[in-house]
Amino acid sequence: PVGWFRQFPGKEREFLAGIGWSGGERYYADSVKGR
């Protein structure tokens, strides 16, 4: 599985989205869901 994160200056890395190895098991952070 692979994930995407982002980091603002001076902040911890924030989870954005993840995907399972086969393309299933996708998860999104509420802050970016829909975008």
Full PDB file with SEQRES, HELIX, SHEET, SSBOND, CRYST1, ORIGX, SCALE, CONECT and MASTER records, all heavy atoms in Angstrom:
SEQRES   1 A   35  PRO VAL GLY TRP PHE ARG GLN PHE PRO GLY LYS GLU ARG          
SEQRES   2 A   35  GLU PHE LEU ALA GLY ILE GLY TRP SER GLY GLY GLU ARG          
SEQRES   3 A   35  TYR TYR ALA ASP SER VAL LYS GLY ARG                          
SHEET    1 AA1 3 VAL A   2  ARG A   6  0                                        
SHEET    2 AA1 3 GLU A  14  ILE A  19 -1                                        
SHEET    3 AA1 3 TYR A  27  TYR A  28 -1                                        
CRYST1    1.000    1.000    1.000  90.00  90.00  90.00 P 1           1          
ORIGX1      1.000000  0.000000  0.000000        0.00000                         
ORIGX2      0.000000  1.000000  0.000000        0.00000                         
ORIGX3      0.000000  0.000000  1.000000        0.00000                         
SCALE1      1.000000  0.000000  0.000000        0.00000                         
SCALE2      0.000000  1.000000  0.000000        0.00000                         
SCALE3      0.000000  0.000000  1.000000        0.00000                         
ATOM      1  N   PRO A   1       0.837  -1.193   0.000  1.00  0.00           N  
ATOM      2  CA  PRO A   1       0.000   0.000   0.000  1.00  0.00           C  
ATOM      3  C   PRO A   1       0.883   1.258   0.000  1.00  0.00           C  
ATOM      4  O   PRO A   1       2.045   1.217   0.433  1.00  0.00           O  
ATOM      5  CB  PRO A   1      -0.796  -0.091   1.303  1.00  0.00           C  
ATOM      6  CG  PRO A   1      -0.190  -1.168   2.109  1.00  0.00           C  
ATOM      7  CD  PRO A   1       0.759  -1.942   1.262  1.00  0.00           C  
ATOM      8  N   VAL A   2       0.321   2.340  -0.489  1.00  0.00           N  
ATOM      9  CA  VAL A   2       1.058   3.600  -0.607  1.00  0.00           C  
ATOM     10  C   VAL A   2       0.165   4.736  -0.135  1.00  0.00           C  
ATOM     11  O   VAL A   2      -1.050   4.696  -0.334  1.00  0.00           O  
ATOM     12  CB  VAL A   2       1.481   3.836  -2.069  1.00  0.00           C  
ATOM     13  CG1 VAL A   2       2.128   5.210  -2.239  1.00  0.00           C  
ATOM     14  CG2 VAL A   2       2.450   2.748  -2.522  1.00  0.00           C  
ATOM     15  N   GLY A   3       0.790   5.709   0.467  1.00  0.00           N  
ATOM     16  CA  GLY A   3       0.033   6.864   0.929  1.00  0.00           C  
ATOM     17  C   GLY A   3       0.649   8.166   0.457  1.00  0.00           C  
ATOM     18  O   GLY A   3       1.815   8.224   0.061  1.00  0.00           O  
ATOM     19  N   TRP A   4      -0.185   9.203   0.478  1.00  0.00           N  
ATOM     20  CA  TRP A   4       0.255  10.573   0.213  1.00  0.00           C  
ATOM     21  C   TRP A   4       0.027  11.402   1.482  1.00  0.00           C  
ATOM     22  O   TRP A   4      -1.033  11.301   2.123  1.00  0.00           O  
ATOM     23  CB  TRP A   4      -0.528  11.193  -0.932  1.00  0.00           C  
ATOM     24  CG  TRP A   4      -0.081  10.794  -2.301  1.00  0.00           C  
ATOM     25  CD1 TRP A   4      -0.586   9.794  -3.078  1.00  0.00           C  
ATOM     26  CD2 TRP A   4       0.960  11.410  -3.073  1.00  0.00           C  
ATOM     27  NE1 TRP A   4       0.083   9.746  -4.276  1.00  0.00           N  
ATOM     28  CE2 TRP A   4       1.033  10.728  -4.302  1.00  0.00           C  
ATOM     29  CE3 TRP A   4       1.841  12.475  -2.848  1.00  0.00           C  
ATOM     30  CZ2 TRP A   4       1.945  11.071  -5.309  1.00  0.00           C  
ATOM     31  CZ3 TRP A   4       2.745  12.819  -3.842  1.00  0.00           C  
ATOM     32  CH2 TRP A   4       2.790  12.118  -5.046  1.00  0.00           C  
ATOM     33  N   PHE A   5       1.013  12.213   1.781  1.00  0.00           N  
ATOM     34  CA  PHE A   5       0.956  13.132   2.912  1.00  0.00           C  
ATOM     35  C   PHE A   5       1.356  14.515   2.428  1.00  0.00           C  
ATOM     36  O   PHE A   5       1.897  14.669   1.351  1.00  0.00           O  
ATOM     37  CB  PHE A   5       1.946  12.699   4.008  1.00  0.00           C  
ATOM     38  CG  PHE A   5       1.559  11.466   4.764  1.00  0.00           C  
ATOM     39  CD1 PHE A   5       1.603  10.210   4.165  1.00  0.00           C  
ATOM     40  CD2 PHE A   5       1.165  11.539   6.089  1.00  0.00           C  
ATOM     41  CE1 PHE A   5       1.249   9.061   4.867  1.00  0.00           C  
ATOM     42  CE2 PHE A   5       0.811  10.406   6.801  1.00  0.00           C  
ATOM     43  CZ  PHE A   5       0.851   9.167   6.186  1.00  0.00           C  
ATOM     44  N   ARG A   6       1.107  15.507   3.257  1.00  0.00           N  
ATOM     45  CA  ARG A   6       1.640  16.834   2.983  1.00  0.00           C  
ATOM     46  C   ARG A   6       2.132  17.423   4.299  1.00  0.00           C  
ATOM     47  O   ARG A   6       1.712  17.003   5.384  1.00  0.00           O  
ATOM     48  CB  ARG A   6       0.614  17.749   2.329  1.00  0.00           C  
ATOM     49  CG  ARG A   6      -0.584  18.101   3.188  1.00  0.00           C  
ATOM     50  CD  ARG A   6      -1.563  18.946   2.398  1.00  0.00           C  
ATOM     51  NE  ARG A   6      -2.773  19.235   3.159  1.00  0.00           N  
ATOM     52  CZ  ARG A   6      -3.842  19.850   2.661  1.00  0.00           C  
ATOM     53  NH1 ARG A   6      -3.837  20.245   1.378  1.00  0.00           N  
ATOM     54  NH2 ARG A   6      -4.888  20.080   3.416  1.00  0.00           N  
ATOM     55  N   GLN A   7       2.998  18.401   4.162  1.00  0.00           N  
ATOM     56  CA  GLN A   7       3.575  19.017   5.345  1.00  0.00           C  
ATOM     57  C   GLN A   7       3.632  20.529   5.172  1.00  0.00           C  
ATOM     58  O   GLN A   7       4.191  21.031   4.185  1.00  0.00           O  
ATOM     59  CB  GLN A   7       4.978  18.464   5.621  1.00  0.00           C  
ATOM     60  CG  GLN A   7       5.568  18.904   6.942  1.00  0.00           C  
ATOM     61  CD  GLN A   7       6.829  18.128   7.288  1.00  0.00           C  
ATOM     62  OE1 GLN A   7       7.523  17.609   6.418  1.00  0.00           O  
ATOM     63  NE2 GLN A   7       7.131  18.029   8.585  1.00  0.00           N  
ATOM     64  N   PHE A   8       3.056  21.226   6.141  1.00  0.00           N  
ATOM     65  CA  PHE A   8       3.128  22.676   6.193  1.00  0.00           C  
ATOM     66  C   PHE A   8       4.343  23.057   7.026  1.00  0.00           C  
ATOM     67  O   PHE A   8       4.774  22.293   7.901  1.00  0.00           O  
ATOM     68  CB  PHE A   8       1.864  23.252   6.816  1.00  0.00           C  
ATOM     69  CG  PHE A   8       0.604  22.852   6.119  1.00  0.00           C  
ATOM     70  CD1 PHE A   8      -0.297  21.977   6.720  1.00  0.00           C  
ATOM     71  CD2 PHE A   8       0.297  23.337   4.852  1.00  0.00           C  
ATOM     72  CE1 PHE A   8      -1.466  21.594   6.075  1.00  0.00           C  
ATOM     73  CE2 PHE A   8      -0.867  22.962   4.201  1.00  0.00           C  
ATOM     74  CZ  PHE A   8      -1.738  22.076   4.816  1.00  0.00           C  
ATOM     75  N   PRO A   9       4.910  24.241   6.801  1.00  0.00           N  
ATOM     76  CA  PRO A   9       6.089  24.654   7.571  1.00  0.00           C  
ATOM     77  C   PRO A   9       5.836  24.583   9.073  1.00  0.00           C  
ATOM     78  O   PRO A   9       4.841  25.099   9.577  1.00  0.00           O  
ATOM     79  CB  PRO A   9       6.318  26.097   7.111  1.00  0.00           C  
ATOM     80  CG  PRO A   9       5.741  26.146   5.737  1.00  0.00           C  
ATOM     81  CD  PRO A   9       4.555  25.232   5.774  1.00  0.00           C  
ATOM     82  N   GLY A  10       6.730  23.916   9.771  1.00  0.00           N  
ATOM     83  CA  GLY A  10       6.633  23.833  11.219  1.00  0.00           C  
ATOM     84  C   GLY A  10       5.584  22.871  11.740  1.00  0.00           C  
ATOM     85  O   GLY A  10       5.317  22.827  12.945  1.00  0.00           O  
ATOM     86  N   LYS A  11       4.978  22.097  10.836  1.00  0.00           N  
ATOM     87  CA  LYS A  11       3.914  21.173  11.248  1.00  0.00           C  
ATOM     88  C   LYS A  11       4.315  19.733  10.961  1.00  0.00           C  
ATOM     89  O   LYS A  11       5.238  19.465  10.199  1.00  0.00           O  
ATOM     90  CB  LYS A  11       2.622  21.493  10.483  1.00  0.00           C  
ATOM     91  CG  LYS A  11       2.099  22.902  10.694  1.00  0.00           C  
ATOM     92  CD  LYS A  11       1.535  23.084  12.090  1.00  0.00           C  
ATOM     93  CE  LYS A  11       0.858  24.439  12.214  1.00  0.00           C  
ATOM     94  NZ  LYS A  11       0.304  24.650  13.578  1.00  0.00           N  
ATOM     95  N   GLU A  12       3.589  18.806  11.588  1.00  0.00           N  
ATOM     96  CA  GLU A  12       3.772  17.387  11.306  1.00  0.00           C  
ATOM     97  C   GLU A  12       3.185  17.057   9.931  1.00  0.00           C  
ATOM     98  O   GLU A  12       2.310  17.765   9.428  1.00  0.00           O  
ATOM     99  CB  GLU A  12       3.052  16.549  12.364  1.00  0.00           C  
ATOM    100  CG  GLU A  12       3.586  16.715  13.777  1.00  0.00           C  
ATOM    101  CD  GLU A  12       4.945  16.069  13.935  1.00  0.00           C  
ATOM    102  OE1 GLU A  12       5.163  14.991  13.356  1.00  0.00           O  
ATOM    103  OE2 GLU A  12       5.796  16.653  14.632  1.00  0.00           O  
ATOM    104  N   ARG A  13       3.655  15.958   9.374  1.00  0.00           N  
ATOM    105  CA  ARG A  13       3.084  15.519   8.095  1.00  0.00           C  
ATOM    106  C   ARG A  13       1.641  15.082   8.309  1.00  0.00           C  
ATOM    107  O   ARG A  13       1.320  14.419   9.298  1.00  0.00           O  
ATOM    108  CB  ARG A  13       3.920  14.375   7.515  1.00  0.00           C  
ATOM    109  CG  ARG A  13       5.256  14.867   7.013  1.00  0.00           C  
ATOM    110  CD  ARG A  13       6.080  13.768   6.383  1.00  0.00           C  
ATOM    111  NE  ARG A  13       7.400  14.296   6.053  1.00  0.00           N  
ATOM    112  CZ  ARG A  13       8.386  13.586   5.542  1.00  0.00           C  
ATOM    113  NH1 ARG A  13       8.214  12.304   5.291  1.00  0.00           N  
ATOM    114  NH2 ARG A  13       9.541  14.137   5.285  1.00  0.00           N  
ATOM    115  N   GLU A  14       0.809  15.437   7.342  1.00  0.00           N  
ATOM    116  CA  GLU A  14      -0.631  15.207   7.430  1.00  0.00           C  
ATOM    117  C   GLU A  14      -1.042  14.202   6.361  1.00  0.00           C  
ATOM    118  O   GLU A  14      -0.733  14.378   5.175  1.00  0.00           O  
ATOM    119  CB  GLU A  14      -1.344  16.542   7.204  1.00  0.00           C  
ATOM    120  CG  GLU A  14      -2.838  16.488   7.009  1.00  0.00           C  
ATOM    121  CD  GLU A  14      -3.392  17.848   6.615  1.00  0.00           C  
ATOM    122  OE1 GLU A  14      -3.719  18.642   7.509  1.00  0.00           O  
ATOM    123  OE2 GLU A  14      -3.486  18.112   5.399  1.00  0.00           O  
ATOM    124  N   PHE A  15      -1.758  13.173   6.789  1.00  0.00           N  
ATOM    125  CA  PHE A  15      -2.240  12.159   5.849  1.00  0.00           C  
ATOM    126  C   PHE A  15      -3.265  12.772   4.909  1.00  0.00           C  
ATOM    127  O   PHE A  15      -4.149  13.530   5.337  1.00  0.00           O  
ATOM    128  CB  PHE A  15      -2.861  11.001   6.623  1.00  0.00           C  
ATOM    129  CG  PHE A  15      -3.573   9.998   5.761  1.00  0.00           C  
ATOM    130  CD1 PHE A  15      -2.862   9.041   5.058  1.00  0.00           C  
ATOM    131  CD2 PHE A  15      -4.959  10.022   5.647  1.00  0.00           C  
ATOM    132  CE1 PHE A  15      -3.518   8.122   4.266  1.00  0.00           C  
ATOM    133  CE2 PHE A  15      -5.620   9.103   4.857  1.00  0.00           C  
ATOM    134  CZ  PHE A  15      -4.900   8.143   4.161  1.00  0.00           C  
ATOM    135  N   LEU A  16      -3.171  12.404   3.632  1.00  0.00           N  
ATOM    136  CA  LEU A  16      -4.133  12.847   2.639  1.00  0.00           C  
ATOM    137  C   LEU A  16      -4.934  11.686   2.058  1.00  0.00           C  
ATOM    138  O   LEU A  16      -6.152  11.738   1.980  1.00  0.00           O  
ATOM    139  CB  LEU A  16      -3.438  13.576   1.497  1.00  0.00           C  
ATOM    140  CG  LEU A  16      -2.741  14.877   1.844  1.00  0.00           C  
ATOM    141  CD1 LEU A  16      -2.013  15.412   0.613  1.00  0.00           C  
ATOM    142  CD2 LEU A  16      -3.727  15.900   2.365  1.00  0.00           C  
ATOM    143  N   ALA A  17      -4.208  10.639   1.622  1.00  0.00           N  
ATOM    144  CA  ALA A  17      -4.884   9.541   0.938  1.00  0.00           C  
ATOM    145  C   ALA A  17      -3.994   8.307   0.960  1.00  0.00           C  
ATOM    146  O   ALA A  17      -2.772   8.415   1.013  1.00  0.00           O  
ATOM    147  CB  ALA A  17      -5.202   9.925  -0.498  1.00  0.00           C  
ATOM    148  N   GLY A  18      -4.630   7.147   0.907  1.00  0.00           N  
ATOM    149  CA  GLY A  18      -3.896   5.895   0.839  1.00  0.00           C  
ATOM    150  C   GLY A  18      -4.585   4.936  -0.103  1.00  0.00           C  
ATOM    151  O   GLY A  18      -5.803   5.035  -0.339  1.00  0.00           O  
ATOM    152  N   ILE A  19      -3.811   4.006  -0.641  1.00  0.00           N  
ATOM    153  CA  ILE A  19      -4.358   3.030  -1.586  1.00  0.00           C  
ATOM    154  C   ILE A  19      -3.704   1.684  -1.345  1.00  0.00           C  
ATOM    155  O   ILE A  19      -2.485   1.594  -1.134  1.00  0.00           O  
ATOM    156  CB  ILE A  19      -4.152   3.500  -3.037  1.00  0.00           C  
ATOM    157  CG1 ILE A  19      -4.867   2.592  -4.030  1.00  0.00           C  
ATOM    158  CG2 ILE A  19      -2.671   3.632  -3.379  1.00  0.00           C  
ATOM    159  CD1 ILE A  19      -4.952   3.179  -5.444  1.00  0.00           C  
ATOM    160  N   GLY A  20      -4.504   0.616  -1.344  1.00  0.00           N  
ATOM    161  CA  GLY A  20      -3.983  -0.721  -1.169  1.00  0.00           C  
ATOM    162  C   GLY A  20      -3.201  -1.187  -2.388  1.00  0.00           C  
ATOM    163  O   GLY A  20      -3.229  -0.551  -3.450  1.00  0.00           O  
ATOM    164  N   TRP A  21      -2.532  -2.303  -2.250  1.00  0.00           N  
ATOM    165  CA  TRP A  21      -1.628  -2.736  -3.310  1.00  0.00           C  
ATOM    166  C   TRP A  21      -2.350  -3.018  -4.622  1.00  0.00           C  
ATOM    167  O   TRP A  21      -1.805  -2.798  -5.704  1.00  0.00           O  
ATOM    168  CB  TRP A  21      -0.839  -3.978  -2.864  1.00  0.00           C  
ATOM    169  CG  TRP A  21      -1.657  -5.240  -2.838  1.00  0.00           C  
ATOM    170  CD1 TRP A  21      -2.386  -5.738  -1.807  1.00  0.00           C  
ATOM    171  CD2 TRP A  21      -1.836  -6.147  -3.941  1.00  0.00           C  
ATOM    172  NE1 TRP A  21      -3.014  -6.890  -2.174  1.00  0.00           N  
ATOM    173  CE2 TRP A  21      -2.701  -7.180  -3.478  1.00  0.00           C  
ATOM    174  CE3 TRP A  21      -1.357  -6.199  -5.243  1.00  0.00           C  
ATOM    175  CZ2 TRP A  21      -3.088  -8.235  -4.290  1.00  0.00           C  
ATOM    176  CZ3 TRP A  21      -1.740  -7.245  -6.056  1.00  0.00           C  
ATOM    177  CH2 TRP A  21      -2.594  -8.262  -5.577  1.00  0.00           C  
ATOM    178  N   SER A  22      -3.586  -3.479  -4.546  1.00  0.00           N  
ATOM    179  CA  SER A  22      -4.320  -3.828  -5.757  1.00  0.00           C  
ATOM    180  C   SER A  22      -5.174  -2.681  -6.289  1.00  0.00           C  
ATOM    181  O   SER A  22      -5.862  -2.839  -7.296  1.00  0.00           O  
ATOM    182  CB  SER A  22      -5.230  -5.022  -5.484  1.00  0.00           C  
ATOM    183  OG  SER A  22      -6.226  -4.666  -4.537  1.00  0.00           O  
ATOM    184  N   GLY A  23      -5.122  -1.547  -5.597  1.00  0.00           N  
ATOM    185  CA  GLY A  23      -5.948  -0.422  -6.018  1.00  0.00           C  
ATOM    186  C   GLY A  23      -7.202  -0.251  -5.188  1.00  0.00           C  
ATOM    187  O   GLY A  23      -7.923   0.745  -5.336  1.00  0.00           O  
ATOM    188  N   GLY A  24      -7.475  -1.220  -4.342  1.00  0.00           N  
ATOM    189  CA  GLY A  24      -8.617  -1.101  -3.442  1.00  0.00           C  
ATOM    190  C   GLY A  24      -8.181  -0.470  -2.130  1.00  0.00           C  
ATOM    191  O   GLY A  24      -7.112   0.132  -2.051  1.00  0.00           O  
ATOM    192  N   GLU A  25      -9.030  -0.635  -1.114  1.00  0.00           N  
ATOM    193  CA  GLU A  25      -8.719  -0.091   0.222  1.00  0.00           C  
ATOM    194  C   GLU A  25      -8.192   1.333   0.138  1.00  0.00           C  
ATOM    195  O   GLU A  25      -7.115   1.673   0.602  1.00  0.00           O  
ATOM    196  CB  GLU A  25      -7.700  -0.953   0.984  1.00  0.00           C  
ATOM    197  CG  GLU A  25      -8.240  -2.265   1.460  1.00  0.00           C  
ATOM    198  CD  GLU A  25      -7.929  -3.402   0.497  1.00  0.00           C  
ATOM    199  OE1 GLU A  25      -7.159  -3.183  -0.452  1.00  0.00           O  
ATOM    200  OE2 GLU A  25      -8.466  -4.492   0.699  1.00  0.00           O  
ATOM    201  N   ARG A  26      -8.998   2.200  -0.441  1.00  0.00           N  
ATOM    202  CA  ARG A  26      -8.626   3.611  -0.559  1.00  0.00           C  
ATOM    203  C   ARG A  26      -9.229   4.387   0.609  1.00  0.00           C  
ATOM    204  O   ARG A  26     -10.388   4.187   0.974  1.00  0.00           O  
ATOM    205  CB  ARG A  26      -9.130   4.203  -1.880  1.00  0.00           C  
ATOM    206  CG  ARG A  26      -8.622   3.488  -3.098  1.00  0.00           C  
ATOM    207  CD  ARG A  26      -9.009   4.197  -4.368  1.00  0.00           C  
ATOM    208  NE  ARG A  26      -8.897   3.318  -5.520  1.00  0.00           N  
ATOM    209  CZ  ARG A  26      -8.837   3.726  -6.771  1.00  0.00           C  
ATOM    210  NH1 ARG A  26      -8.871   5.031  -7.041  1.00  0.00           N  
ATOM    211  NH2 ARG A  26      -8.751   2.869  -7.756  1.00  0.00           N  
ATOM    212  N   TYR A  27      -8.412   5.272   1.135  1.00  0.00           N  
ATOM    213  CA  TYR A  27      -8.844   6.096   2.257  1.00  0.00           C  
ATOM    214  C   TYR A  27      -8.452   7.542   1.979  1.00  0.00           C  
ATOM    215  O   TYR A  27      -7.405   7.801   1.372  1.00  0.00           O  
ATOM    216  CB  TYR A  27      -8.202   5.627   3.564  1.00  0.00           C  
ATOM    217  CG  TYR A  27      -8.478   4.184   3.899  1.00  0.00           C  
ATOM    218  CD1 TYR A  27      -7.524   3.205   3.681  1.00  0.00           C  
ATOM    219  CD2 TYR A  27      -9.703   3.802   4.426  1.00  0.00           C  
ATOM    220  CE1 TYR A  27      -7.772   1.883   3.978  1.00  0.00           C  
ATOM    221  CE2 TYR A  27      -9.965   2.474   4.730  1.00  0.00           C  
ATOM    222  CZ  TYR A  27      -8.995   1.512   4.500  1.00  0.00           C  
ATOM    223  OH  TYR A  27      -9.248   0.201   4.807  1.00  0.00           O  
ATOM    224  N   TYR A  28      -9.288   8.456   2.450  1.00  0.00           N  
ATOM    225  CA  TYR A  28      -9.029   9.875   2.253  1.00  0.00           C  
ATOM    226  C   TYR A  28      -9.226  10.625   3.565  1.00  0.00           C  
ATOM    227  O   TYR A  28     -10.123  10.301   4.351  1.00  0.00           O  
ATOM    228  CB  TYR A  28      -9.968  10.460   1.198  1.00  0.00           C  
ATOM    229  CG  TYR A  28      -9.786   9.870  -0.175  1.00  0.00           C  
ATOM    230  CD1 TYR A  28     -10.615   8.843  -0.631  1.00  0.00           C  
ATOM    231  CD2 TYR A  28      -8.781  10.336  -1.024  1.00  0.00           C  
ATOM    232  CE1 TYR A  28     -10.433   8.290  -1.893  1.00  0.00           C  
ATOM    233  CE2 TYR A  28      -8.607   9.798  -2.285  1.00  0.00           C  
ATOM    234  CZ  TYR A  28      -9.436   8.767  -2.704  1.00  0.00           C  
ATOM    235  OH  TYR A  28      -9.255   8.229  -3.960  1.00  0.00           O  
ATOM    236  N   ALA A  29      -8.408  11.636   3.757  1.00  0.00           N  
ATOM    237  CA  ALA A  29      -8.604  12.502   4.911  1.00  0.00           C  
ATOM    238  C   ALA A  29      -9.858  13.342   4.704  1.00  0.00           C  
ATOM    239  O   ALA A  29     -10.152  13.762   3.576  1.00  0.00           O  
ATOM    240  CB  ALA A  29      -7.398  13.411   5.097  1.00  0.00           C  
ATOM    241  N   ASP A  30     -10.568  13.592   5.765  1.00  0.00           N  
ATOM    242  CA  ASP A  30     -11.793  14.395   5.669  1.00  0.00           C  
ATOM    243  C   ASP A  30     -11.494  15.783   5.101  1.00  0.00           C  
ATOM    244  O   ASP A  30     -12.336  16.357   4.406  1.00  0.00           O  
ATOM    245  CB  ASP A  30     -12.437  14.532   7.048  1.00  0.00           C  
ATOM    246  CG  ASP A  30     -13.079  13.241   7.523  1.00  0.00           C  
ATOM    247  OD1 ASP A  30     -13.339  12.354   6.690  1.00  0.00           O  
ATOM    248  OD2 ASP A  30     -13.313  13.128   8.749  1.00  0.00           O  
ATOM    249  N   SER A  31     -10.308  16.294   5.400  1.00  0.00           N  
ATOM    250  CA  SER A  31      -9.967  17.654   4.982  1.00  0.00           C  
ATOM    251  C   SER A  31      -9.877  17.808   3.473  1.00  0.00           C  
ATOM    252  O   SER A  31      -9.990  18.923   2.955  1.00  0.00           O  
ATOM    253  CB  SER A  31      -8.650  18.081   5.626  1.00  0.00           C  
ATOM    254  OG  SER A  31      -7.593  17.215   5.233  1.00  0.00           O  
ATOM    255  N   VAL A  32      -9.674  16.724   2.749  1.00  0.00           N  
ATOM    256  CA  VAL A  32      -9.516  16.819   1.302  1.00  0.00           C  
ATOM    257  C   VAL A  32     -10.486  15.914   0.545  1.00  0.00           C  
ATOM    258  O   VAL A  32     -10.477  15.888  -0.695  1.00  0.00           O  
ATOM    259  CB  VAL A  32      -8.075  16.484   0.869  1.00  0.00           C  
ATOM    260  CG1 VAL A  32      -7.109  17.526   1.407  1.00  0.00           C  
ATOM    261  CG2 VAL A  32      -7.693  15.074   1.309  1.00  0.00           C  
ATOM    262  N   LYS A  33     -11.322  15.185   1.270  1.00  0.00           N  
ATOM    263  CA  LYS A  33     -12.240  14.258   0.620  1.00  0.00           C  
ATOM    264  C   LYS A  33     -13.128  15.006  -0.366  1.00  0.00           C  
ATOM    265  O   LYS A  33     -13.653  16.078  -0.066  1.00  0.00           O  
ATOM    266  CB  LYS A  33     -13.092  13.550   1.668  1.00  0.00           C  
ATOM    267  CG  LYS A  33     -13.869  12.358   1.156  1.00  0.00           C  
ATOM    268  CD  LYS A  33     -14.570  11.639   2.300  1.00  0.00           C  
ATOM    269  CE  LYS A  33     -13.576  10.951   3.213  1.00  0.00           C  
ATOM    270  NZ  LYS A  33     -14.239  10.168   4.278  1.00  0.00           N  
ATOM    271  N   GLY A  34     -13.267  14.440  -1.538  1.00  0.00           N  
ATOM    272  CA  GLY A  34     -14.052  15.076  -2.590  1.00  0.00           C  
ATOM    273  C   GLY A  34     -13.208  15.910  -3.530  1.00  0.00           C  
ATOM    274  O   GLY A  34     -13.657  16.255  -4.625  1.00  0.00           O  
ATOM    275  N   ARG A  35     -11.999  16.248  -3.106  1.00  0.00           N  
ATOM    276  CA  ARG A  35     -11.118  17.050  -3.960  1.00  0.00           C  
ATOM    277  C   ARG A  35      -9.910  16.266  -4.446  1.00  0.00           C  
ATOM    278  O   ARG A  35      -9.220  16.736  -5.367  1.00  0.00           O  
ATOM    279  CB  ARG A  35     -10.616  18.296  -3.209  1.00  0.00           C  
ATOM    280  CG  ARG A  35     -11.695  19.286  -2.857  1.00  0.00           C  
ATOM    281  CD  ARG A  35     -11.100  20.639  -2.524  1.00  0.00           C  
ATOM    282  NE  ARG A  35     -10.222  20.600  -1.370  1.00  0.00           N  
ATOM    283  CZ  ARG A  35      -8.955  21.004  -1.378  1.00  0.00           C  
ATOM    284  NH1 ARG A  35      -8.403  21.444  -2.493  1.00  0.00           N  
ATOM    285  NH2 ARG A  35      -8.237  20.972  -0.275  1.00  0.00           N  
TER     286      ARG A  35                                                      
MASTER        0    0    0    0    3    0    0    6  285    1    0    3          
END                                                                             
